Amino acid sequence: MFTKQELEKYLQKCLSTGADFAEIFLEESNYKTIKLSDEVIQNVYSDYIKGIGIRICLKDKTVYGCTNNIQNIDNIITRLISNFSEKPINKNINLQEKVIYKDNIKIPHNKYSITNKKNLLYNINDIARKESEKVNQIEVKLVEEDEKIIIANTNNLYTEDNRTLTRLSITTFVKENDKIEKAYIAPGFKKGYEFIDDVNIEQMTKETVHNALEKLSAKECPSGEMPVIIGNGFGGVIFHEACVHSLEATSVAKGSSVFSNMLGKTIASPKVTIVDDGTLKHEWGSLNIDDEGAPTRRNILIKEGVLTSYLIDYINSKIMKSQPTSSGRRESYKFSPTSRMTNTFLLPGTDKIEDMISSIKYGLYAKNLGGGSVNTSTGDFNFAVNEAYLIENGHITTPVKGASLIGNGSEIIKRVSMVSDDLKLGTGMCGSISGNIPVTVGQPTIKVDKILVGGKGEKVNV
């Protein structure tokens, strides 16, 4: 897009009115989706994105501009630097030789034919409908993205990353009389279509059918405070939302997080060790480098209940006087980066699931969580539960629907009393001020001694 010398010239201009840091982010992405609904391919969509984002900073003041016309870079820089009127610093920009990262993709998107993609979707539709006559609708979607980014900044960093992401989502609707229920699964990978060899498509499809069918006979979930067992995999979203968002420098640096100024303090149960690791091979939330150009790393955020690290991007690291943790992320060139998660999960323990269940006289088994939200200033959260069962006298009994988990993150992480050894990861999209980004969440099965459960059923007092 630009030569090394051109980028050096533009970066030098960024500092000409007194800024102390500048960054140029170039992006070129191909995005495609193919969707099946009502037993036919209804949508084949593709998008090509090319643009540039420019960030200029002086201490904690940041200005940002972007355009899909990269030839307009000089005009954008002129407008951005008009926000500064300090004496220019004496700094010569001499970018390093470009460091290039590229994933080893066995079956690139452009090598997997549209016919193969359509056949995959039709096959999933057939598997689901053969599993039960109550299947009313199947929606299957393939999403693929090939992204190339180039980052250059006034610290003389010059790097390129080539990223490939693929995701398959299956939503199954079942109907009985006037009742309709659904179940959803959506694995994602940092790889090409070789992912098909690594998952059991038939098993996943049948699982969505069975989960949806079970909801047809489920009763409304009771409400009240009770012990809750949260299933492995996507259950880890409770830590993602209720805890780790409040460990991002986006809120910590401003002092608005419930965990600001708490490094080294015990904030959770000794059973809780939480890691954010962007280096995991082929995981949905993994990156070779973050969106500020720093190689990703493994960050231990909470160790045996003690807060050991925040997630810190470059600019907030200067405000916090701490080292960045390779956590700067953004959706695209249209967003300025900030501190975000990658693959975030609770490390496994040694407790047995059967012991968790037998220890509960009356409670809830939240096998599969849905989406949630959190107020990072207070830590208050609310999660939907997609699949849940009552626990009565030490046994899993009746399926229930309409359950939600309500509470405060700083309190809930203190109530984790048992952690099993069945760690599993799940994929999702996370939204924040720097856009929507792919993330992985995960955990083993855990027991939380007390959570407020919301539901339309009877109120209970445990």
Protein backbone atom coordinates (compact mmCIF):
# COMPACT_ATOMS: atom_id res chain seq x y z
CA MET A 1 0.00 0.00 0.00
CA PHE A 2 2.81 2.38 1.00
CA THR A 3 6.57 2.02 0.93
CA LYS A 4 8.58 2.05 4.14
CA GLN A 5 9.93 5.49 3.25
CA GLU A 6 6.44 6.90 2.67
CA LEU A 7 5.25 5.60 6.04
CA GLU A 8 8.28 7.17 7.75
CA LYS A 9 7.45 10.51 6.10
CA TYR A 10 3.81 10.38 7.23
CA LEU A 11 4.75 9.39 10.79
CA GLN A 12 7.26 12.23 10.94
CA LYS A 13 4.50 14.64 9.92
CA CYS A 14 2.28 13.24 12.70
CA LEU A 15 4.81 14.52 15.27
CA SER A 16 5.28 17.93 13.65
CA THR A 17 2.95 19.81 16.04
CA GLY A 18 4.11 18.28 19.31
CA ALA A 19 2.50 14.83 19.60
CA ASP A 20 4.67 12.17 21.24
CA PHE A 21 3.30 9.05 19.54
CA ALA A 22 1.67 8.19 16.23
CA GLU A 23 0.53 4.99 14.56
CA ILE A 24 -0.66 4.04 11.08
CA PHE A 25 -2.92 1.00 10.75
CA LEU A 26 -3.60 -0.36 7.26
CA GLU A 27 -6.18 -3.07 6.63
CA GLU A 28 -7.24 -5.16 3.65
CA SER A 29 -9.90 -7.78 4.38
CA ASN A 30 -12.15 -10.19 2.52
CA TYR A 31 -15.29 -11.26 4.39
CA LYS A 32 -17.77 -13.88 3.14
CA THR A 33 -20.87 -15.58 4.51
CA ILE A 34 -23.13 -18.26 3.15
CA LYS A 35 -26.41 -19.06 4.89
CA LEU A 36 -29.01 -21.82 4.60
CA SER A 37 -32.57 -21.32 5.84
CA ASP A 38 -35.89 -22.98 4.91
CA GLU A 39 -33.83 -25.79 3.34
CA VAL A 40 -32.35 -23.53 0.67
CA ILE A 41 -29.30 -21.31 0.34
CA GLN A 42 -30.79 -17.87 0.93
CA ASN A 43 -27.81 -15.63 1.28
CA VAL A 44 -24.32 -15.57 -0.21
CA TYR A 45 -22.61 -12.37 0.84
CA SER A 46 -19.12 -11.01 0.37
CA ASP A 47 -17.44 -7.78 1.38
CA TYR A 48 -14.04 -6.30 0.63
CA ILE A 49 -12.62 -3.82 3.11
CA LYS A 50 -9.63 -1.60 2.52
CA GLY A 51 -8.79 1.35 4.72
CA ILE A 52 -6.42 3.18 6.97
CA GLY A 53 -6.60 4.39 10.56
CA ILE A 54 -4.30 7.04 12.03
CA ARG A 55 -3.82 7.57 15.73
CA ILE A 56 -1.87 10.52 17.16
CA CYS A 57 -1.27 10.97 20.89
CA LEU A 58 0.23 13.36 23.38
CA LYS A 59 0.34 11.83 26.85
CA ASP A 60 -3.28 10.80 27.54
CA LYS A 61 -4.79 12.87 24.71
CA THR A 62 -5.60 10.85 21.58
CA VAL A 63 -7.07 11.83 18.22
CA TYR A 64 -8.05 9.30 15.59
CA GLY A 65 -9.05 9.44 11.95
CA CYS A 66 -9.82 6.82 9.33
CA THR A 67 -10.78 6.52 5.66
CA ASN A 68 -11.38 3.90 3.00
CA ASN A 69 -9.51 6.14 0.57
CA ILE A 70 -5.92 5.54 1.60
CA GLN A 71 -4.68 8.22 -0.80
CA ASN A 72 -6.33 10.73 1.51
CA ILE A 73 -3.82 10.00 4.28
CA ASP A 74 -2.01 13.35 3.97
CA ASN A 75 -5.20 15.36 4.42
CA ILE A 76 -6.28 13.29 7.44
CA ILE A 77 -2.92 13.78 9.13
CA THR A 78 -3.13 17.53 8.50
CA ARG A 79 -6.51 17.69 10.22
CA LEU A 80 -5.45 15.50 13.14
CA ILE A 81 -2.23 17.36 13.95
CA SER A 82 -4.17 20.63 14.13
CA ASN A 83 -5.32 19.39 17.55
CA PHE A 84 -1.78 19.86 18.91
CA SER A 85 0.22 23.06 19.27
CA GLU A 86 3.31 22.03 21.25
CA LYS A 87 6.95 22.29 20.34
CA PRO A 88 7.81 19.31 18.10
CA ILE A 89 9.99 16.65 19.68
CA ASN A 90 13.27 15.89 17.97
CA LYS A 91 12.72 12.33 16.84
CA ASN A 92 13.79 10.72 13.58
CA ILE A 93 11.56 7.92 12.34
CA ASN A 94 13.56 4.96 11.08
CA LEU A 95 11.25 1.97 10.82
CA GLN A 96 12.64 -1.50 11.37
CA GLU A 97 12.55 -3.96 8.51
CA LYS A 98 9.00 -5.24 8.26
CA VAL A 99 8.26 -8.34 10.34
CA ILE A 100 5.65 -10.50 8.60
CA TYR A 101 3.39 -13.05 10.32
CA LYS A 102 1.31 -15.62 8.44
CA ASP A 103 -0.69 -18.60 9.65
CA ASN A 104 -0.15 -22.06 8.18
CA ILE A 105 -3.52 -22.64 6.52
CA LYS A 106 -4.01 -26.10 5.01
CA ILE A 107 -7.28 -25.42 3.14
CA PRO A 108 -7.56 -21.69 2.30
CA HIS A 109 -10.99 -20.23 1.78
CA ASN A 110 -10.44 -19.76 -1.93
CA LYS A 111 -9.50 -23.43 -2.30
CA TYR A 112 -12.75 -24.72 -0.77
CA SER A 113 -15.37 -24.50 -3.49
CA ILE A 114 -18.79 -22.90 -3.19
CA THR A 115 -20.23 -26.31 -4.07
CA ASN A 116 -18.48 -27.89 -1.09
CA LYS A 117 -19.78 -25.15 1.18
CA LYS A 118 -23.33 -25.56 -0.03
CA ASN A 119 -23.13 -29.34 0.35
CA LEU A 120 -21.90 -28.94 3.92
CA LEU A 121 -24.89 -26.75 4.80
CA TYR A 122 -27.37 -29.06 3.08
CA ASN A 123 -25.89 -32.06 4.90
CA ILE A 124 -26.35 -30.37 8.28
CA ASN A 125 -29.94 -29.56 7.39
CA ASP A 126 -30.59 -33.21 6.45
CA ILE A 127 -29.00 -34.58 9.64
CA ALA A 128 -31.14 -32.35 11.84
CA ARG A 129 -34.42 -33.11 10.06
CA LYS A 130 -33.79 -36.85 10.13
CA GLU A 131 -33.14 -36.68 13.87
CA SER A 132 -36.68 -35.60 14.74
CA GLU A 133 -39.95 -34.89 12.97
CA LYS A 134 -40.39 -31.99 15.38
CA VAL A 135 -37.59 -30.04 13.71
CA ASN A 136 -39.32 -27.02 12.25
CA GLN A 137 -36.45 -24.92 10.95
CA ILE A 138 -32.68 -25.12 10.52
CA GLU A 139 -30.43 -22.12 10.00
CA VAL A 140 -26.80 -22.81 9.15
CA LYS A 141 -24.19 -20.17 8.40
CA LEU A 142 -20.55 -20.23 7.37
CA VAL A 143 -18.47 -17.13 8.02
CA GLU A 144 -14.95 -16.68 6.69
CA GLU A 145 -12.54 -13.79 6.92
CA ASP A 146 -9.09 -13.21 5.47
CA GLU A 147 -7.46 -10.12 6.90
CA LYS A 148 -4.14 -8.46 6.21
CA ILE A 149 -2.99 -5.66 8.49
CA ILE A 150 0.12 -3.50 8.48
CA ILE A 151 1.11 -1.43 11.51
CA ALA A 152 3.79 1.24 11.64
CA ASN A 153 4.40 3.60 14.55
CA THR A 154 6.82 6.21 15.85
CA ASN A 155 8.50 3.65 18.10
CA ASN A 156 9.86 2.36 14.76
CA LEU A 157 7.65 -0.73 14.81
CA TYR A 158 6.79 -1.99 11.33
CA THR A 159 4.91 -5.27 11.08
CA GLU A 160 2.33 -7.20 9.06
CA ASP A 161 -0.09 -9.94 10.07
CA ASN A 162 -2.20 -12.19 7.84
CA ARG A 163 -5.21 -13.67 9.64
CA THR A 164 -7.69 -16.35 8.62
CA LEU A 165 -10.88 -17.03 10.62
CA THR A 166 -13.67 -19.52 9.93
CA ARG A 167 -16.88 -20.08 11.88
CA LEU A 168 -19.85 -22.41 11.52
CA SER A 169 -23.15 -21.69 13.31
CA ILE A 170 -26.12 -24.06 13.60
CA THR A 171 -29.50 -22.94 14.98
CA THR A 172 -32.20 -25.60 15.31
CA PHE A 173 -35.87 -24.77 15.89
CA VAL A 174 -38.32 -27.43 17.04
CA LYS A 175 -42.09 -27.17 17.26
CA GLU A 176 -44.78 -29.06 19.16
CA ASN A 177 -48.32 -27.74 18.89
CA ASP A 178 -47.91 -24.01 19.48
CA LYS A 179 -44.57 -24.30 21.32
CA ILE A 180 -41.33 -23.38 19.54
CA GLU A 181 -37.88 -23.75 21.10
CA LYS A 182 -34.37 -23.44 19.70
CA ALA A 183 -30.77 -24.41 20.39
CA TYR A 184 -27.57 -22.96 19.00
CA ILE A 185 -23.92 -23.91 18.55
CA ALA A 186 -21.20 -21.92 16.78
CA PRO A 187 -17.61 -23.18 16.86
CA GLY A 188 -14.99 -20.88 15.38
CA PHE A 189 -11.33 -21.34 14.46
CA LYS A 190 -8.23 -19.44 13.45
CA LYS A 191 -7.75 -21.71 10.45
CA GLY A 192 -9.26 -22.56 7.08
CA TYR A 193 -11.64 -25.33 6.06
CA GLU A 194 -9.40 -27.97 7.60
CA PHE A 195 -11.50 -27.24 10.69
CA ILE A 196 -14.08 -29.71 9.31
CA ASP A 197 -11.69 -32.58 10.07
CA ASP A 198 -11.38 -31.42 13.70
CA VAL A 199 -15.06 -31.32 14.67
CA ASN A 200 -17.85 -33.86 14.60
CA ILE A 201 -20.45 -32.11 12.44
CA GLU A 202 -23.05 -34.83 12.87
CA GLN A 203 -22.71 -34.91 16.65
CA MET A 204 -22.93 -31.12 16.95
CA THR A 205 -26.03 -30.99 14.77
CA LYS A 206 -27.80 -33.74 16.70
CA GLU A 207 -26.87 -32.01 19.95
CA THR A 208 -28.73 -28.86 18.93
CA VAL A 209 -31.79 -30.96 18.08
CA HIS A 210 -31.79 -32.74 21.43
CA ASN A 211 -31.22 -29.54 23.39
CA ALA A 212 -34.11 -27.82 21.63
CA LEU A 213 -36.41 -30.83 22.13
CA GLU A 214 -35.66 -30.91 25.84
CA LYS A 215 -36.82 -27.32 26.18
CA LEU A 216 -40.26 -28.27 24.84
CA SER A 217 -40.96 -30.24 28.01
CA ALA A 218 -39.04 -27.94 30.37
CA LYS A 219 -40.91 -26.08 33.08
CA GLU A 220 -40.35 -22.45 34.00
CA CYS A 221 -37.26 -21.97 36.14
CA PRO A 222 -37.85 -21.08 39.80
CA SER A 223 -36.31 -17.86 41.12
CA GLY A 224 -34.29 -17.06 44.21
CA GLU A 225 -30.78 -17.31 45.61
CA MET A 226 -29.38 -20.82 45.39
CA PRO A 227 -26.20 -22.79 44.72
CA VAL A 228 -25.47 -23.11 41.00
CA ILE A 229 -23.27 -25.46 39.01
CA ILE A 230 -22.11 -23.82 35.78
CA GLY A 231 -21.13 -26.12 32.93
CA ASN A 232 -17.79 -26.08 31.16
CA GLY A 233 -16.98 -24.37 27.86
CA PHE A 234 -19.05 -21.29 27.11
CA GLY A 235 -19.95 -21.16 30.81
CA GLY A 236 -16.69 -19.22 31.05
CA VAL A 237 -18.56 -16.21 29.70
CA ILE A 238 -19.50 -15.50 33.31
CA PHE A 239 -15.85 -14.70 34.07
CA HIS A 240 -15.43 -12.85 30.77
CA GLU A 241 -18.36 -10.54 31.53
CA ALA A 242 -18.59 -10.44 35.30
CA CYS A 243 -14.89 -10.17 36.05
CA VAL A 244 -12.34 -9.71 33.26
CA HIS A 245 -14.04 -6.78 31.52
CA SER A 246 -13.39 -4.95 34.77
CA LEU A 247 -9.68 -5.86 34.51
CA GLU A 248 -9.27 -4.12 31.15
CA ALA A 249 -7.27 -0.89 31.27
CA THR A 250 -10.11 0.79 29.38
CA SER A 251 -11.85 1.16 32.75
CA VAL A 252 -8.97 0.51 35.18
CA ALA A 253 -6.83 3.44 33.94
CA LYS A 254 -9.69 5.87 34.63
CA GLY A 255 -10.24 4.42 38.10
CA SER A 256 -13.80 3.47 37.17
CA SER A 257 -13.36 -0.29 37.53
CA VAL A 258 -14.38 -2.14 40.70
CA PHE A 259 -10.86 -3.65 40.57
CA SER A 260 -8.86 -0.43 40.15
CA ASN A 261 -5.83 -0.17 42.48
CA MET A 262 -6.21 -3.77 43.69
CA LEU A 263 -3.09 -5.47 42.30
CA GLY A 264 -1.73 -7.99 44.79
CA LYS A 265 -4.99 -8.17 46.72
CA THR A 266 -7.21 -11.21 47.15
CA ILE A 267 -10.32 -10.61 45.07
CA ALA A 268 -11.56 -14.17 44.45
CA SER A 269 -11.76 -17.65 45.89
CA PRO A 270 -8.40 -19.49 46.07
CA LYS A 271 -9.97 -21.91 43.57
CA VAL A 272 -9.89 -19.17 40.91
CA THR A 273 -6.96 -18.76 38.52
CA ILE A 274 -7.87 -16.87 35.34
CA VAL A 275 -5.67 -16.61 32.25
CA ASP A 276 -5.91 -14.57 29.06
CA ASP A 277 -3.74 -16.22 26.39
CA GLY A 278 -3.63 -14.92 22.82
CA THR A 279 -1.00 -17.46 21.75
CA LEU A 280 -3.15 -20.62 21.73
CA LYS A 281 -2.84 -22.34 18.37
CA HIS A 282 -5.87 -22.05 16.07
CA GLU A 283 -8.20 -20.68 18.76
CA TRP A 284 -10.86 -18.20 17.67
CA GLY A 285 -9.52 -15.39 19.87
CA SER A 286 -5.83 -15.97 19.11
CA LEU A 287 -3.53 -13.52 17.32
CA ASN A 288 0.10 -13.53 16.20
CA ILE A 289 0.26 -9.87 17.19
CA ASP A 290 -2.29 -7.59 18.79
CA ASP A 291 -3.71 -4.64 16.87
CA GLU A 292 -0.88 -2.42 18.08
CA GLY A 293 1.74 -4.79 16.64
CA ALA A 294 2.93 -6.45 19.86
CA PRO A 295 3.38 -10.27 19.83
CA THR A 296 0.62 -11.83 21.92
CA ARG A 297 1.38 -13.52 25.23
CA ARG A 298 -0.07 -15.48 28.13
CA ASN A 299 -1.27 -13.20 30.95
CA ILE A 300 -2.18 -14.62 34.34
CA LEU A 301 -4.78 -12.18 35.62
CA ILE A 302 -5.86 -13.84 38.86
CA LYS A 303 -3.73 -16.49 40.55
CA GLU A 304 -5.36 -18.56 43.30
CA GLY A 305 -7.67 -15.65 44.06
CA VAL A 306 -5.02 -12.89 43.98
CA LEU A 307 -5.17 -10.16 41.32
CA THR A 308 -1.82 -10.32 39.50
CA SER A 309 -2.32 -8.37 36.26
CA TYR A 310 -4.61 -6.15 34.24
CA LEU A 311 -5.07 -6.24 30.45
CA ILE A 312 -3.22 -3.17 29.22
CA ASP A 313 -2.86 -1.57 25.79
CA TYR A 314 0.00 0.76 24.86
CA ILE A 315 -1.60 4.15 25.54
CA ASN A 316 -3.17 3.09 28.85
CA SER A 317 0.17 1.61 29.91
CA LYS A 318 1.60 5.13 29.94
CA ILE A 319 -1.31 6.40 32.02
CA MET A 320 -1.03 3.48 34.45
CA LYS A 321 2.80 3.52 34.43
CA SER A 322 2.73 -0.23 33.72
CA GLN A 323 3.97 -2.48 30.95
CA PRO A 324 1.51 -3.25 28.14
CA THR A 325 0.28 -6.85 27.99
CA SER A 326 -0.23 -7.20 24.20
CA SER A 327 -3.94 -6.55 24.69
CA GLY A 328 -4.63 -3.75 22.19
CA ARG A 329 -7.48 -4.81 19.90
CA ARG A 330 -9.93 -3.28 17.41
CA GLU A 331 -12.59 -4.52 15.03
CA SER A 332 -11.12 -2.79 11.98
CA TYR A 333 -9.32 0.31 10.73
CA LYS A 334 -12.43 2.30 11.70
CA PHE A 335 -11.64 1.94 15.42
CA SER A 336 -8.85 3.10 17.65
CA PRO A 337 -7.52 0.13 19.68
CA THR A 338 -7.95 -0.34 23.40
CA SER A 339 -7.42 -3.11 25.95
CA ARG A 340 -9.47 -6.22 25.16
CA MET A 341 -9.49 -9.97 25.81
CA THR A 342 -8.31 -12.79 23.51
CA ASN A 343 -8.78 -16.34 24.90
CA THR A 344 -9.86 -16.00 28.53
CA PHE A 345 -10.45 -19.01 30.76
CA LEU A 346 -10.46 -20.42 34.27
CA LEU A 347 -7.75 -23.02 34.87
CA PRO A 348 -8.92 -26.53 35.86
CA GLY A 349 -9.03 -27.81 39.42
CA THR A 350 -9.33 -31.27 40.95
CA ASP A 351 -12.92 -31.40 42.24
CA LYS A 352 -15.31 -34.03 40.90
CA ILE A 353 -18.57 -33.06 39.22
CA GLU A 354 -20.46 -35.84 41.04
CA ASP A 355 -19.28 -34.36 44.35
CA MET A 356 -20.55 -30.93 43.31
CA ILE A 357 -23.98 -32.33 42.47
CA SER A 358 -24.25 -34.48 45.59
CA SER A 359 -23.35 -31.49 47.79
CA ILE A 360 -26.49 -29.55 46.71
CA LYS A 361 -29.88 -30.17 48.30
CA TYR A 362 -31.64 -27.73 45.98
CA GLY A 363 -30.06 -25.66 43.23
CA LEU A 364 -29.54 -25.17 39.51
CA TYR A 365 -27.30 -26.87 36.96
CA ALA A 366 -26.66 -24.19 34.32
CA LYS A 367 -25.22 -26.48 31.69
CA ASN A 368 -25.03 -23.96 28.88
CA LEU A 369 -24.95 -20.17 29.25
CA GLY A 370 -26.03 -17.65 26.63
CA GLY A 371 -25.14 -14.00 26.24
CA GLY A 372 -24.69 -11.54 29.07
CA SER A 373 -23.76 -8.02 30.02
CA VAL A 374 -21.90 -6.25 32.81
CA ASN A 375 -21.50 -2.75 34.21
CA THR A 376 -17.70 -2.52 34.65
CA SER A 377 -18.05 0.32 37.15
CA THR A 378 -20.18 -1.73 39.54
CA GLY A 379 -19.54 -5.32 38.43
CA ASP A 380 -23.27 -6.04 38.19
CA PHE A 381 -24.08 -8.70 35.58
CA ASN A 382 -26.98 -10.58 34.03
CA PHE A 383 -26.71 -13.80 31.97
CA ALA A 384 -29.23 -15.89 30.08
CA VAL A 385 -29.04 -19.65 30.60
CA ASN A 386 -29.71 -21.64 27.42
CA GLU A 387 -29.86 -25.09 29.01
CA ALA A 388 -30.58 -25.73 32.70
CA TYR A 389 -31.80 -28.39 35.12
CA LEU A 390 -32.86 -28.45 38.74
CA ILE A 391 -30.68 -30.19 41.30
CA GLU A 392 -32.73 -31.84 44.04
CA ASN A 393 -31.33 -33.88 46.93
CA GLY A 394 -27.98 -34.35 45.22
CA HIS A 395 -29.39 -35.37 41.81
CA ILE A 396 -29.97 -33.60 38.48
CA THR A 397 -33.71 -33.78 37.84
CA THR A 398 -36.09 -31.56 35.87
CA PRO A 399 -35.14 -29.47 32.81
CA VAL A 400 -36.11 -25.80 33.22
CA LYS A 401 -36.25 -22.83 30.86
CA GLY A 402 -36.16 -19.06 31.12
CA ALA A 403 -33.34 -19.03 33.69
CA SER A 404 -30.97 -16.13 34.18
CA LEU A 405 -28.06 -15.54 36.54
CA ILE A 406 -27.96 -12.15 38.24
CA GLY A 407 -25.28 -10.82 40.54
CA ASN A 408 -22.09 -8.88 41.09
CA GLY A 409 -18.82 -10.09 39.62
CA SER A 410 -16.65 -9.11 42.57
CA GLU A 411 -18.92 -11.14 44.85
CA ILE A 412 -19.48 -14.18 42.63
CA ILE A 413 -15.78 -14.93 42.10
CA LYS A 414 -15.43 -15.17 45.88
CA ARG A 415 -18.16 -17.83 46.01
CA VAL A 416 -16.55 -20.36 43.67
CA SER A 417 -16.11 -23.32 45.98
CA MET A 418 -15.39 -26.22 43.59
CA VAL A 419 -13.61 -26.43 40.21
CA SER A 420 -13.43 -29.62 38.14
CA ASP A 421 -10.81 -30.78 35.67
CA ASP A 422 -12.91 -30.73 32.46
CA LEU A 423 -11.69 -27.45 30.92
CA LYS A 424 -13.37 -26.64 27.60
CA LEU A 425 -13.36 -23.53 25.41
CA GLY A 426 -16.18 -21.79 23.55
CA THR A 427 -16.30 -19.01 20.96
CA GLY A 428 -18.10 -15.70 20.76
CA MET A 429 -17.99 -12.06 19.71
CA CYS A 430 -17.29 -9.31 22.22
CA GLY A 431 -18.44 -5.73 21.78
CA SER A 432 -16.81 -2.68 23.34
CA ILE A 433 -15.62 0.80 22.40
CA SER A 434 -13.18 -0.59 19.81
CA GLY A 435 -15.85 -2.64 18.05
CA ASN A 436 -16.80 -6.32 17.86
CA ILE A 437 -13.93 -8.78 18.03
CA PRO A 438 -13.59 -12.60 18.11
CA VAL A 439 -12.93 -13.96 21.60
CA THR A 440 -12.72 -17.35 23.25
CA VAL A 441 -14.07 -18.03 26.73
CA GLY A 442 -13.72 -21.16 28.78
CA GLN A 443 -13.78 -22.94 32.08
CA PRO A 444 -14.14 -26.32 33.71
CA THR A 445 -17.44 -27.13 35.43
CA ILE A 446 -17.67 -25.06 38.63
CA LYS A 447 -19.84 -24.75 41.71
CA VAL A 448 -20.83 -21.30 42.96
CA ASP A 449 -22.28 -21.45 46.46
CA LYS A 450 -24.90 -18.77 45.88
CA ILE A 451 -26.24 -16.82 42.88
CA LEU A 452 -29.54 -15.04 42.38
CA VAL A 453 -31.43 -17.05 39.77
CA GLY A 454 -34.11 -15.29 37.77
CA GLY A 455 -37.08 -17.18 36.36
CA LYS A 456 -40.86 -17.15 35.90
CA GLY A 457 -41.44 -20.16 38.14
CA GLU A 458 -42.06 -20.30 41.86
CA LYS A 459 -39.90 -18.25 44.22
CA VAL A 460 -37.70 -20.38 46.43
CA ASN A 461 -35.71 -19.67 49.56
CA VAL A 462 -32.71 -21.98 49.80
